[in-house]
Amino acid sequence: VLSVYLSEYKGLLFEITFLVFLLVLILRYVLILLNNKKLIFNNLFYFILYLCALEIAPLIIVLKLTI
């Protein structure tokens, strides 16, 4: 909404939004790791498989579709 009314700041607003999204995503991963450390490291293969299949792959697909 802001990018429509503040067109001169469109690039800056996009960068700020992207950085906030990235920080929230990283914070989410850190909290998951801290809360489930024992379970994750006992089943590390399944955790890596989960990250690749359900967390990272959709982000890559969306990125490739938008570029």
PDB file of N, CA and C in Angstrom:
ATOM      1  N   VAL A   1       0.831  -1.177   0.000  1.00  0.00           N
ATOM      2  CA  VAL A   1       0.000   0.000   0.000  1.00  0.00           C
ATOM      3  C   VAL A   1       0.875   1.240   0.000  1.00  0.00           C
ATOM      4  N   LEU A   2       1.908   1.240   0.810  1.00  0.00           N
ATOM      5  CA  LEU A   2       2.765   2.421   0.877  1.00  0.00           C
ATOM      6  C   LEU A   2       3.500   2.678  -0.427  1.00  0.00           C
ATOM      7  N   SER A   3       3.839   1.622  -1.157  1.00  0.00           N
ATOM      8  CA  SER A   3       4.586   1.815  -2.400  1.00  0.00           C
ATOM      9  C   SER A   3       3.751   2.513  -3.459  1.00  0.00           C
ATOM     10  N   VAL A   4       2.430   2.440  -3.367  1.00  0.00           N
ATOM     11  CA  VAL A   4       1.562   3.131  -4.325  1.00  0.00           C
ATOM     12  C   VAL A   4       1.588   4.627  -4.064  1.00  0.00           C
ATOM     13  N   TYR A   5       1.520   5.016  -2.809  1.00  0.00           N
ATOM     14  CA  TYR A   5       1.446   6.428  -2.462  1.00  0.00           C
ATOM     15  C   TYR A   5       2.811   7.085  -2.327  1.00  0.00           C
ATOM     16  N   LEU A   6       3.823   6.322  -2.048  1.00  0.00           N
ATOM     17  CA  LEU A   6       5.174   6.862  -1.893  1.00  0.00           C
ATOM     18  C   LEU A   6       6.082   6.248  -2.954  1.00  0.00           C
ATOM     19  N   SER A   7       5.816   6.545  -4.201  1.00  0.00           N
ATOM     20  CA  SER A   7       6.533   5.892  -5.296  1.00  0.00           C
ATOM     21  C   SER A   7       8.023   6.218  -5.309  1.00  0.00           C
ATOM     22  N   GLU A   8       8.418   7.373  -4.779  1.00  0.00           N
ATOM     23  CA  GLU A   8       9.842   7.706  -4.775  1.00  0.00           C
ATOM     24  C   GLU A   8      10.626   6.861  -3.770  1.00  0.00           C
ATOM     25  N   TYR A   9       9.937   6.251  -2.824  1.00  0.00           N
ATOM     26  CA  TYR A   9      10.591   5.399  -1.833  1.00  0.00           C
ATOM     27  C   TYR A   9      10.326   3.917  -2.070  1.00  0.00           C
ATOM     28  N   LYS A  10       9.868   3.562  -3.261  1.00  0.00           N
ATOM     29  CA  LYS A  10       9.464   2.183  -3.541  1.00  0.00           C
ATOM     30  C   LYS A  10      10.613   1.196  -3.315  1.00  0.00           C
ATOM     31  N   GLY A  11      11.801   1.504  -3.807  1.00  0.00           N
ATOM     32  CA  GLY A  11      12.956   0.617  -3.640  1.00  0.00           C
ATOM     33  C   GLY A  11      13.354   0.471  -2.185  1.00  0.00           C
ATOM     34  N   LEU A  12      13.353   1.583  -1.476  1.00  0.00           N
ATOM     35  CA  LEU A  12      13.719   1.558  -0.060  1.00  0.00           C
ATOM     36  C   LEU A  12      12.700   0.766   0.755  1.00  0.00           C
ATOM     37  N   LEU A  13      11.423   0.958   0.480  1.00  0.00           N
ATOM     38  CA  LEU A  13      10.382   0.211   1.195  1.00  0.00           C
ATOM     39  C   LEU A  13      10.495  -1.280   0.926  1.00  0.00           C
ATOM     40  N   PHE A  14      10.800  -1.650  -0.314  1.00  0.00           N
ATOM     41  CA  PHE A  14      10.968  -3.063  -0.644  1.00  0.00           C
ATOM     42  C   PHE A  14      12.146  -3.654   0.110  1.00  0.00           C
ATOM     43  N   GLU A  15      13.255  -2.939   0.160  1.00  0.00           N
ATOM     44  CA  GLU A  15      14.440  -3.438   0.856  1.00  0.00           C
ATOM     45  C   GLU A  15      14.187  -3.585   2.356  1.00  0.00           C
ATOM     46  N   ILE A  16      13.523  -2.614   2.953  1.00  0.00           N
ATOM     47  CA  ILE A  16      13.222  -2.688   4.384  1.00  0.00           C
ATOM     48  C   ILE A  16      12.284  -3.855   4.671  1.00  0.00           C
ATOM     49  N   THR A  17      11.259  -4.017   3.836  1.00  0.00           N
ATOM     50  CA  THR A  17      10.323  -5.125   4.012  1.00  0.00           C
ATOM     51  C   THR A  17      11.033  -6.459   3.863  1.00  0.00           C
ATOM     52  N   PHE A  18      11.907  -6.566   2.878  1.00  0.00           N
ATOM     53  CA  PHE A  18      12.657  -7.801   2.663  1.00  0.00           C
ATOM     54  C   PHE A  18      13.559  -8.104   3.850  1.00  0.00           C
ATOM     55  N   LEU A  19      14.244  -7.101   4.377  1.00  0.00           N
ATOM     56  CA  LEU A  19      15.133  -7.317   5.519  1.00  0.00           C
ATOM     57  C   LEU A  19      14.359  -7.721   6.770  1.00  0.00           C
ATOM     58  N   VAL A  20      13.208  -7.097   7.000  1.00  0.00           N
ATOM     59  CA  VAL A  20      12.386  -7.467   8.156  1.00  0.00           C
ATOM     60  C   VAL A  20      11.907  -8.905   8.010  1.00  0.00           C
ATOM     61  N   PHE A  21      11.455  -9.273   6.804  1.00  0.00           N
ATOM     62  CA  PHE A  21      11.017 -10.647   6.549  1.00  0.00           C
ATOM     63  C   PHE A  21      12.158 -11.624   6.789  1.00  0.00           C
ATOM     64  N   LEU A  22      13.345 -11.296   6.313  1.00  0.00           N
ATOM     65  CA  LEU A  22      14.504 -12.162   6.486  1.00  0.00           C
ATOM     66  C   LEU A  22      14.880 -12.301   7.962  1.00  0.00           C
ATOM     67  N   LEU A  23      14.839 -11.210   8.703  1.00  0.00           N
ATOM     68  CA  LEU A  23      15.157 -11.266  10.132  1.00  0.00           C
ATOM     69  C   LEU A  23      14.144 -12.109  10.906  1.00  0.00           C
ATOM     70  N   VAL A  24      12.869 -11.977  10.571  1.00  0.00           N
ATOM     71  CA  VAL A  24      11.839 -12.783  11.235  1.00  0.00           C
ATOM     72  C   VAL A  24      12.031 -14.256  10.910  1.00  0.00           C
ATOM     73  N   LEU A  25      12.385 -14.557   9.672  1.00  0.00           N
ATOM     74  CA  LEU A  25      12.616 -15.942   9.272  1.00  0.00           C
ATOM     75  C   LEU A  25      13.814 -16.536  10.011  1.00  0.00           C
ATOM     76  N   ILE A  26      14.885 -15.782  10.123  1.00  0.00           N
ATOM     77  CA  ILE A  26      16.071 -16.246  10.850  1.00  0.00           C
ATOM     78  C   ILE A  26      15.751 -16.427  12.335  1.00  0.00           C
ATOM     79  N   LEU A  27      15.009 -15.488  12.908  1.00  0.00           N
ATOM     80  CA  LEU A  27      14.616 -15.606  14.312  1.00  0.00           C
ATOM     81  C   LEU A  27      13.773 -16.853  14.535  1.00  0.00           C
ATOM     82  N   ARG A  28      12.899 -17.154  13.592  1.00  0.00           N
ATOM     83  CA  ARG A  28      12.073 -18.358  13.687  1.00  0.00           C
ATOM     84  C   ARG A  28      12.939 -19.616  13.712  1.00  0.00           C
ATOM     85  N   TYR A  29      13.934 -19.672  12.823  1.00  0.00           N
ATOM     86  CA  TYR A  29      14.821 -20.837  12.786  1.00  0.00           C
ATOM     87  C   TYR A  29      15.624 -20.970  14.075  1.00  0.00           C
ATOM     88  N   VAL A  30      16.099 -19.864  14.599  1.00  0.00           N
ATOM     89  CA  VAL A  30      16.879 -19.904  15.839  1.00  0.00           C
ATOM     90  C   VAL A  30      16.013 -20.390  17.000  1.00  0.00           C
ATOM     91  N   LEU A  31      14.787 -19.892  17.090  1.00  0.00           N
ATOM     92  CA  LEU A  31      13.896 -20.333  18.170  1.00  0.00           C
ATOM     93  C   LEU A  31      13.548 -21.810  18.043  1.00  0.00           C
ATOM     94  N   ILE A  32      13.341 -22.275  16.824  1.00  0.00           N
ATOM     95  CA  ILE A  32      13.075 -23.700  16.617  1.00  0.00           C
ATOM     96  C   ILE A  32      14.280 -24.526  17.055  1.00  0.00           C
ATOM     97  N   LEU A  33      15.477 -24.086  16.688  1.00  0.00           N
ATOM     98  CA  LEU A  33      16.689 -24.815  17.083  1.00  0.00           C
ATOM     99  C   LEU A  33      16.861 -24.843  18.599  1.00  0.00           C
ATOM    100  N   LEU A  34      16.628 -23.715  19.240  1.00  0.00           N
ATOM    101  CA  LEU A  34      16.811 -23.662  20.689  1.00  0.00           C
ATOM    102  C   LEU A  34      15.777 -24.498  21.433  1.00  0.00           C
ATOM    103  N   ASN A  35      14.537 -24.460  20.974  1.00  0.00           N
ATOM    104  CA  ASN A  35      13.478 -25.193  21.674  1.00  0.00           C
ATOM    105  C   ASN A  35      13.537 -26.697  21.433  1.00  0.00           C
ATOM    106  N   ASN A  36      14.085 -27.116  20.299  1.00  0.00           N
ATOM    107  CA  ASN A  36      14.078 -28.533  19.942  1.00  0.00           C
ATOM    108  C   ASN A  36      15.480 -29.075  19.691  1.00  0.00           C
ATOM    109  N   LYS A  37      16.456 -28.552  20.393  1.00  0.00           N
ATOM    110  CA  LYS A  37      17.851 -28.908  20.158  1.00  0.00           C
ATOM    111  C   LYS A  37      18.106 -30.412  20.288  1.00  0.00           C
ATOM    112  N   LYS A  38      17.593 -31.019  21.324  1.00  0.00           N
ATOM    113  CA  LYS A  38      17.849 -32.442  21.553  1.00  0.00           C
ATOM    114  C   LYS A  38      17.206 -33.294  20.460  1.00  0.00           C
ATOM    115  N   LEU A  39      15.976 -32.987  20.122  1.00  0.00           N
ATOM    116  CA  LEU A  39      15.266 -33.741  19.094  1.00  0.00           C
ATOM    117  C   LEU A  39      15.916 -33.560  17.723  1.00  0.00           C
ATOM    118  N   ILE A  40      16.336 -32.347  17.414  1.00  0.00           N
ATOM    119  CA  ILE A  40      16.932 -32.060  16.105  1.00  0.00           C
ATOM    120  C   ILE A  40      18.255 -32.793  15.937  1.00  0.00           C
ATOM    121  N   PHE A  41      19.119 -32.718  16.930  1.00  0.00           N
ATOM    122  CA  PHE A  41      20.443 -33.303  16.765  1.00  0.00           C
ATOM    123  C   PHE A  41      20.438 -34.822  16.878  1.00  0.00           C
ATOM    124  N   ASN A  42      19.401 -35.396  17.459  1.00  0.00           N
ATOM    125  CA  ASN A  42      19.268 -36.854  17.445  1.00  0.00           C
ATOM    126  C   ASN A  42      18.815 -37.348  16.082  1.00  0.00           C
ATOM    127  N   ASN A  43      18.069 -36.534  15.356  1.00  0.00           N
ATOM    128  CA  ASN A  43      17.556 -36.881  14.028  1.00  0.00           C
ATOM    129  C   ASN A  43      17.973 -35.806  13.027  1.00  0.00           C
ATOM    130  N   LEU A  44      19.252 -35.559  12.903  1.00  0.00           N
ATOM    131  CA  LEU A  44      19.755 -34.462  12.083  1.00  0.00           C
ATOM    132  C   LEU A  44      19.402 -34.624  10.609  1.00  0.00           C
ATOM    133  N   PHE A  45      19.453 -35.841  10.090  1.00  0.00           N
ATOM    134  CA  PHE A  45      19.126 -36.070   8.683  1.00  0.00           C
ATOM    135  C   PHE A  45      17.697 -35.631   8.380  1.00  0.00           C
ATOM    136  N   TYR A  46      16.758 -35.996   9.240  1.00  0.00           N
ATOM    137  CA  TYR A  46      15.356 -35.645   9.013  1.00  0.00           C
ATOM    138  C   TYR A  46      15.123 -34.147   9.152  1.00  0.00           C
ATOM    139  N   PHE A  47      15.876 -33.501  10.029  1.00  0.00           N
ATOM    140  CA  PHE A  47      15.752 -32.054  10.170  1.00  0.00           C
ATOM    141  C   PHE A  47      16.244 -31.339   8.917  1.00  0.00           C
ATOM    142  N   ILE A  48      17.371 -31.769   8.369  1.00  0.00           N
ATOM    143  CA  ILE A  48      17.888 -31.168   7.134  1.00  0.00           C
ATOM    144  C   ILE A  48      16.934 -31.428   5.982  1.00  0.00           C
ATOM    145  N   LEU A  49      16.383 -32.621   5.909  1.00  0.00           N
ATOM    146  CA  LEU A  49      15.398 -32.945   4.884  1.00  0.00           C
ATOM    147  C   LEU A  49      14.168 -32.051   5.010  1.00  0.00           C
ATOM    148  N   TYR A  50      13.706 -31.822   6.217  1.00  0.00           N
ATOM    149  CA  TYR A  50      12.567 -30.937   6.466  1.00  0.00           C
ATOM    150  C   TYR A  50      12.874 -29.518   6.012  1.00  0.00           C
ATOM    151  N   LEU A  51      14.046 -29.007   6.382  1.00  0.00           N
ATOM    152  CA  LEU A  51      14.405 -27.644   5.992  1.00  0.00           C
ATOM    153  C   LEU A  51      14.444 -27.479   4.482  1.00  0.00           C
ATOM    154  N   CYS A  52      15.040 -28.427   3.801  1.00  0.00           N
ATOM    155  CA  CYS A  52      15.159 -28.322   2.346  1.00  0.00           C
ATOM    156  C   CYS A  52      13.811 -28.464   1.653  1.00  0.00           C
ATOM    157  N   ALA A  53      13.006 -29.404   2.089  1.00  0.00           N
ATOM    158  CA  ALA A  53      11.755 -29.702   1.387  1.00  0.00           C
ATOM    159  C   ALA A  53      10.643 -28.710   1.699  1.00  0.00           C
ATOM    160  N   LEU A  54      10.521 -28.298   2.931  1.00  0.00           N
ATOM    161  CA  LEU A  54       9.351 -27.512   3.319  1.00  0.00           C
ATOM    162  C   LEU A  54       9.638 -26.059   3.668  1.00  0.00           C
ATOM    163  N   GLU A  55      10.878 -25.688   3.838  1.00  0.00           N
ATOM    164  CA  GLU A  55      11.189 -24.313   4.201  1.00  0.00           C
ATOM    165  C   GLU A  55      11.970 -23.586   3.108  1.00  0.00           C
ATOM    166  N   ILE A  56      13.030 -24.181   2.625  1.00  0.00           N
ATOM    167  CA  ILE A  56      13.902 -23.497   1.672  1.00  0.00           C
ATOM    168  C   ILE A  56      13.392 -23.626   0.248  1.00  0.00           C
ATOM    169  N   ALA A  57      12.927 -24.798  -0.138  1.00  0.00           N
ATOM    170  CA  ALA A  57      12.476 -25.024  -1.518  1.00  0.00           C
ATOM    171  C   ALA A  57      11.343 -24.084  -1.936  1.00  0.00           C
ATOM    172  N   PRO A  58      10.305 -23.862  -1.123  1.00  0.00           N
ATOM    173  CA  PRO A  58       9.269 -22.914  -1.547  1.00  0.00           C
ATOM    174  C   PRO A  58       9.796 -21.496  -1.750  1.00  0.00           C
ATOM    175  N   LEU A  59      10.752 -21.079  -0.925  1.00  0.00           N
ATOM    176  CA  LEU A  59      11.337 -19.751  -1.110  1.00  0.00           C
ATOM    177  C   LEU A  59      12.093 -19.666  -2.434  1.00  0.00           C
ATOM    178  N   ILE A  60      12.823 -20.708  -2.779  1.00  0.00           N
ATOM    179  CA  ILE A  60      13.561 -20.730  -4.045  1.00  0.00           C
ATOM    180  C   ILE A  60      12.599 -20.757  -5.220  1.00  0.00           C
ATOM    181  N   ILE A  61      11.523 -21.524  -5.105  1.00  0.00           N
ATOM    182  CA  ILE A  61      10.536 -21.590  -6.191  1.00  0.00           C
ATOM    183  C   ILE A  61       9.884 -20.228  -6.402  1.00  0.00           C
ATOM    184  N   VAL A  62       9.493 -19.561  -5.338  1.00  0.00           N
ATOM    185  CA  VAL A  62       8.893 -18.231  -5.460  1.00  0.00           C
ATOM    186  C   VAL A  62       9.892 -17.255  -6.057  1.00  0.00           C
ATOM    187  N   LEU A  63      11.138 -17.333  -5.643  1.00  0.00           N
ATOM    188  CA  LEU A  63      12.167 -16.454  -6.181  1.00  0.00           C
ATOM    189  C   LEU A  63      12.341 -16.666  -7.677  1.00  0.00           C
ATOM    190  N   LYS A  64      12.387 -17.916  -8.118  1.00  0.00           N
ATOM    191  CA  LYS A  64      12.556 -18.209  -9.543  1.00  0.00           C
ATOM    192  C   LYS A  64      11.331 -17.799 -10.351  1.00  0.00           C
ATOM    193  N   LEU A  65      10.149 -17.898  -9.779  1.00  0.00           N
ATOM    194  CA  LEU A  65       8.936 -17.501 -10.489  1.00  0.00           C
ATOM    195  C   LEU A  65       8.818 -15.989 -10.630  1.00  0.00           C
ATOM    196  N   THR A  66       9.380 -15.245  -9.699  1.00  0.00           N
ATOM    197  CA  THR A  66       9.269 -13.789  -9.755  1.00  0.00           C
ATOM    198  C   THR A  66      10.376 -13.132 -10.560  1.00  0.00           C
ATOM    199  N   ILE A  67      11.464 -13.827 -10.779  1.00  0.00           N
ATOM    200  CA  ILE A  67      12.575 -13.223 -11.543  1.00  0.00           C
ATOM    201  C   ILE A  67      12.436 -13.552 -13.006  1.00  0.00           C
TER     202      ILE A  67
END
